[in-house]
Protein backbone atom coordinates (compact mmCIF):
# COMPACT_ATOMS: atom_id res chain seq x y z
CA MET A 1 -4.92 3.29 13.19
CA LYS A 2 -4.38 2.01 16.76
CA LYS A 3 -6.74 -0.88 16.02
CA ALA A 4 -4.76 -1.85 12.92
CA LEU A 5 -1.51 -1.89 14.94
CA LEU A 6 -3.10 -4.00 17.67
CA ILE A 7 -4.38 -6.54 15.12
CA THR A 8 -0.97 -6.74 13.45
CA THR A 9 0.78 -7.26 16.80
CA ALA A 10 -1.71 -9.94 17.87
CA PHE A 11 -1.22 -11.90 14.67
CA ALA A 12 2.54 -11.63 14.98
CA LEU A 13 2.49 -12.94 18.55
CA PHE A 14 0.18 -15.74 17.54
CA ALA A 15 2.50 -16.73 14.66
CA ILE A 16 5.58 -16.74 16.94
CA SER A 17 3.75 -18.91 19.42
CA SER A 18 2.63 -21.35 16.70
CA TYR A 19 6.12 -21.46 15.27
CA GLY A 20 7.58 -22.45 18.62
CA GLN A 21 4.95 -25.16 19.12
CA ASN A 22 5.38 -26.58 15.62
CA GLY A 23 9.16 -26.58 15.80
CA GLY A 24 9.65 -24.93 12.43
CA THR A 25 13.10 -25.14 10.86
CA ASN A 26 13.10 -21.66 9.28
CA SER A 27 14.18 -18.55 11.10
CA ILE A 28 12.32 -15.35 11.83
CA HIS A 29 13.65 -12.54 9.66
CA LEU A 30 13.52 -8.80 10.17
CA GLY A 31 14.14 -6.68 7.09
CA ALA A 32 13.90 -3.36 5.35
CA LYS A 33 12.98 -2.55 1.78
CA MET A 34 12.34 0.29 -0.64
CA GLY A 35 11.11 0.70 -4.16
CA LEU A 36 8.58 2.20 -6.54
CA ASN A 37 4.81 2.33 -6.80
CA TYR A 38 2.83 2.75 -9.99
CA SER A 39 -0.58 3.84 -8.88
CA ASN A 40 -3.93 4.86 -10.34
CA ILE A 41 -7.55 4.99 -9.27
CA TYR A 42 -10.76 3.35 -10.31
CA ASP A 43 -14.39 4.25 -9.66
CA SER A 44 -16.25 1.75 -7.54
CA LYS A 45 -19.57 2.22 -9.39
CA ASN A 46 -18.17 2.23 -12.90
CA ASP A 47 -18.88 5.91 -13.55
CA GLU A 48 -16.69 7.46 -16.21
CA TYR A 49 -13.66 9.19 -14.70
CA ASP A 50 -10.48 8.97 -16.76
CA ALA A 51 -7.16 9.14 -14.96
CA ASN A 52 -3.55 8.25 -15.71
CA GLY A 53 -1.15 6.45 -13.46
CA LYS A 54 1.85 7.97 -11.72
CA PHE A 55 5.03 6.75 -10.03
CA GLY A 56 5.69 7.13 -6.30
CA PHE A 57 8.15 6.11 -3.59
CA ALA A 58 7.71 3.20 -1.16
CA ALA A 59 9.83 2.21 1.84
CA GLY A 60 9.45 0.36 5.13
CA GLY A 61 10.15 -2.78 7.12
CA PHE A 62 8.88 -6.36 7.35
CA LEU A 63 8.93 -9.26 9.78
CA ALA A 64 8.87 -12.73 8.21
CA ILE A 65 7.53 -15.27 10.72
CA PRO A 66 7.47 -18.97 9.74
CA ILE A 67 4.67 -21.19 11.00
CA GLY A 68 5.80 -24.35 9.27
CA ARG A 69 8.04 -25.42 6.41
CA PHE A 70 5.79 -23.94 3.65
CA LEU A 71 3.69 -21.37 5.54
CA GLY A 72 4.31 -18.10 7.34
CA ILE A 73 3.00 -14.67 8.21
CA GLN A 74 4.60 -11.38 7.29
CA PRO A 75 3.39 -8.13 8.86
CA GLU A 76 4.83 -4.92 7.35
CA VAL A 77 4.84 -1.19 7.91
CA MET A 78 5.33 0.81 4.70
CA TYR A 79 5.38 4.48 3.71
CA SER A 80 3.68 4.56 0.34
CA GLN A 81 3.00 7.30 -2.21
CA LYS A 82 -0.13 6.79 -4.29
CA GLY A 83 -2.16 8.98 -6.57
CA TYR A 84 -2.97 9.75 -10.21
CA LYS A 85 -2.68 12.27 -13.01
CA GLN A 86 -5.27 13.87 -15.26
CA SER A 87 -5.30 16.38 -18.05
CA GLY A 88 -8.01 18.24 -19.82
CA SER A 89 -9.41 21.58 -20.88
CA PHE A 90 -11.53 24.06 -18.94
CA LEU A 91 -12.91 27.28 -20.42
CA GLY A 92 -10.57 26.97 -23.35
CA SER A 93 -7.42 26.53 -21.22
CA ASN A 94 -5.51 23.26 -20.93
CA TYR A 95 -4.55 21.95 -17.52
CA ASP A 96 -2.57 19.13 -15.88
CA PHE A 97 -3.72 17.72 -12.54
CA THR A 98 -1.49 15.64 -10.27
CA ARG A 99 -2.48 14.18 -6.93
CA THR A 100 -0.01 12.49 -4.57
CA SER A 101 -1.40 10.81 -1.47
CA HIS A 102 1.01 9.87 1.33
CA TYR A 103 -0.06 6.71 3.13
CA LEU A 104 1.15 4.50 5.95
CA ASP A 105 0.31 0.99 4.79
CA ILE A 106 0.18 -1.96 7.20
CA PRO A 107 -0.25 -5.22 5.24
CA LEU A 108 -0.67 -8.48 7.13
CA LEU A 109 0.31 -11.15 4.66
CA VAL A 110 0.02 -14.93 4.57
CA SER A 111 3.15 -16.38 2.97
CA ILE A 112 3.19 -19.64 1.01
CA LYS A 113 6.74 -20.93 0.30
CA PRO A 114 6.81 -23.74 -2.26
CA THR A 115 10.61 -23.32 -2.73
CA SER A 116 13.41 -21.44 -0.95
CA VAL A 117 13.42 -18.87 -3.77
CA LEU A 118 9.67 -18.24 -4.27
CA THR A 119 7.24 -16.85 -1.70
CA PHE A 120 3.59 -16.15 -2.66
CA GLN A 121 1.79 -13.65 -0.43
CA PHE A 122 -1.74 -12.41 0.08
CA GLY A 123 -3.76 -10.71 2.75
CA PRO A 124 -5.51 -7.56 4.03
CA GLN A 125 -3.89 -4.15 4.18
CA PHE A 126 -4.76 -1.22 6.49
CA SER A 127 -3.91 2.19 5.01
CA TYR A 128 -3.76 5.49 6.88
CA LEU A 129 -3.84 8.70 4.86
CA MET A 130 -1.26 11.12 6.33
CA ARG A 131 -1.48 13.99 3.86
CA GLN A 132 -2.33 14.75 0.26
CA LYS A 133 -0.73 17.09 -2.28
CA THR A 134 -2.57 18.36 -5.37
CA THR A 135 -0.89 20.31 -8.17
CA ILE A 136 -2.75 22.01 -11.00
CA ASN A 137 -0.76 23.47 -13.92
CA SER A 138 -2.61 25.65 -16.44
CA GLY A 139 -2.16 28.68 -18.65
CA LEU A 140 -3.12 30.78 -15.64
CA GLY A 141 -0.26 29.42 -13.50
CA THR A 142 0.33 26.73 -10.93
CA VAL A 143 -1.82 25.98 -7.86
CA ILE A 144 -0.52 23.67 -5.15
CA ASN A 145 -2.61 22.40 -2.22
CA ASP A 146 -0.86 20.44 0.50
CA ASP A 147 -3.55 19.14 2.91
CA GLU A 148 -3.59 17.49 6.30
CA PHE A 149 -7.13 16.40 6.92
CA ASP A 150 -9.18 17.19 9.95
CA ASN A 151 -12.68 16.36 8.69
CA ASP A 152 -14.72 13.24 7.86
CA ASN A 153 -15.18 14.00 4.17
CA ILE A 154 -11.99 12.14 3.27
CA ARG A 155 -11.52 8.58 4.52
CA LYS A 156 -8.24 8.43 6.42
CA ASN A 157 -8.45 4.72 7.38
CA THR A 158 -8.93 2.38 4.41
CA LEU A 159 -9.14 -1.39 4.20
CA GLY A 160 -7.55 -2.98 1.15
CA ALA A 161 -6.09 -6.23 -0.19
CA VAL A 162 -2.65 -7.27 -1.41
CA VAL A 163 -1.30 -10.12 -3.53
CA GLY A 164 2.31 -10.59 -4.57
CA VAL A 165 5.43 -12.68 -5.06
CA ASP A 166 8.84 -12.41 -3.38
CA PHE A 167 12.07 -13.76 -4.87
CA ASN A 168 14.57 -14.69 -2.14
CA PHE A 169 18.31 -14.71 -2.69
CA ASP A 170 20.03 -15.26 0.65
CA LYS A 171 19.64 -11.88 2.41
CA VAL A 172 18.26 -10.06 -0.66
CA VAL A 173 14.53 -10.07 -1.43
CA PHE A 174 13.03 -8.74 -4.66
CA GLY A 175 9.28 -8.22 -4.28
CA THR A 176 6.43 -7.53 -6.67
CA ARG A 177 2.83 -7.03 -5.63
CA ALA A 178 -0.49 -5.45 -6.44
CA GLY A 179 -2.80 -3.75 -3.95
CA TRP A 180 -6.20 -2.14 -4.11
CA ASP A 181 -8.63 -0.38 -1.81
CA LEU A 182 -11.84 -2.09 -0.76
CA GLN A 183 -13.40 1.19 0.45
CA ASN A 184 -14.05 4.51 -1.26
CA ASN A 185 -11.95 7.60 -0.47
CA ASN A 186 -14.87 9.77 0.63
CA GLY A 187 -15.63 8.71 4.14
CA ASP A 188 -19.08 10.19 4.80
CA GLY A 189 -20.08 10.60 1.12
CA SER A 190 -20.13 14.44 1.27
CA SER A 191 -16.70 15.04 -0.29
CA THR A 192 -16.64 17.20 -3.43
CA ASN A 193 -13.67 15.16 -4.69
CA PRO A 194 -14.41 12.40 -7.20
CA ARG A 195 -15.29 9.08 -5.58
CA TYR A 196 -12.52 6.54 -6.16
CA LYS A 197 -10.40 3.69 -4.84
CA ASN A 198 -6.63 3.42 -5.11
CA VAL A 199 -4.92 0.65 -7.02
CA VAL A 200 -1.11 0.14 -6.86
CA VAL A 201 1.53 -2.06 -8.45
CA GLN A 202 4.71 -2.15 -6.40
CA ALA A 203 8.33 -3.35 -6.91
CA THR A 204 10.77 -3.35 -4.01
CA LEU A 205 14.31 -4.42 -3.17
CA GLY A 206 14.71 -5.66 0.41
CA PHE A 207 17.43 -6.83 2.74
CA ARG A 208 17.08 -9.20 5.70
CA ILE A 209 18.82 -7.64 8.72
CA PHE A 210 18.78 -10.97 10.53
């Protein structure tokens, strides 16, 4: 986590320095945004594991740093809910399974700005798993597990990728993006949980503070 923050800070400082040297005409913008995630999981080795998507909350801040007229860098810090749903039958009893994973996402995005309205973005994302809530509803009742992890079975630091588009209207920014993990959730391979990677589609409404 500390390494991800250091990398983000280094890129931001480099971008600011480059901006000053290149004499860019755009301004640096600090902003906040919030919105919704629609998340699911996929298996990295194509094993069969059926899951349904679920909605979650997302909120955080961004720093838009221009490098030139059409190029920039945008580091962000986002609280992001991910997870999935599943239903089935076990020993003749139906059940519903819902998992909500609470992440701190730190994307470091390259911004391409062909017009003042459109901004295309892509780049890596560092995700830190803060806690995870699992709810199982069945004919026998409801079981809720709310975990904070202290072992190596679950990967807490995950590298991913993000692509998206921002629509800019003065101080208002409407953003859409897709993100996915590049690493499995089970850190040392010994987890009894199913092996998977998160995939998320996100829509946010943001406001430039300055």
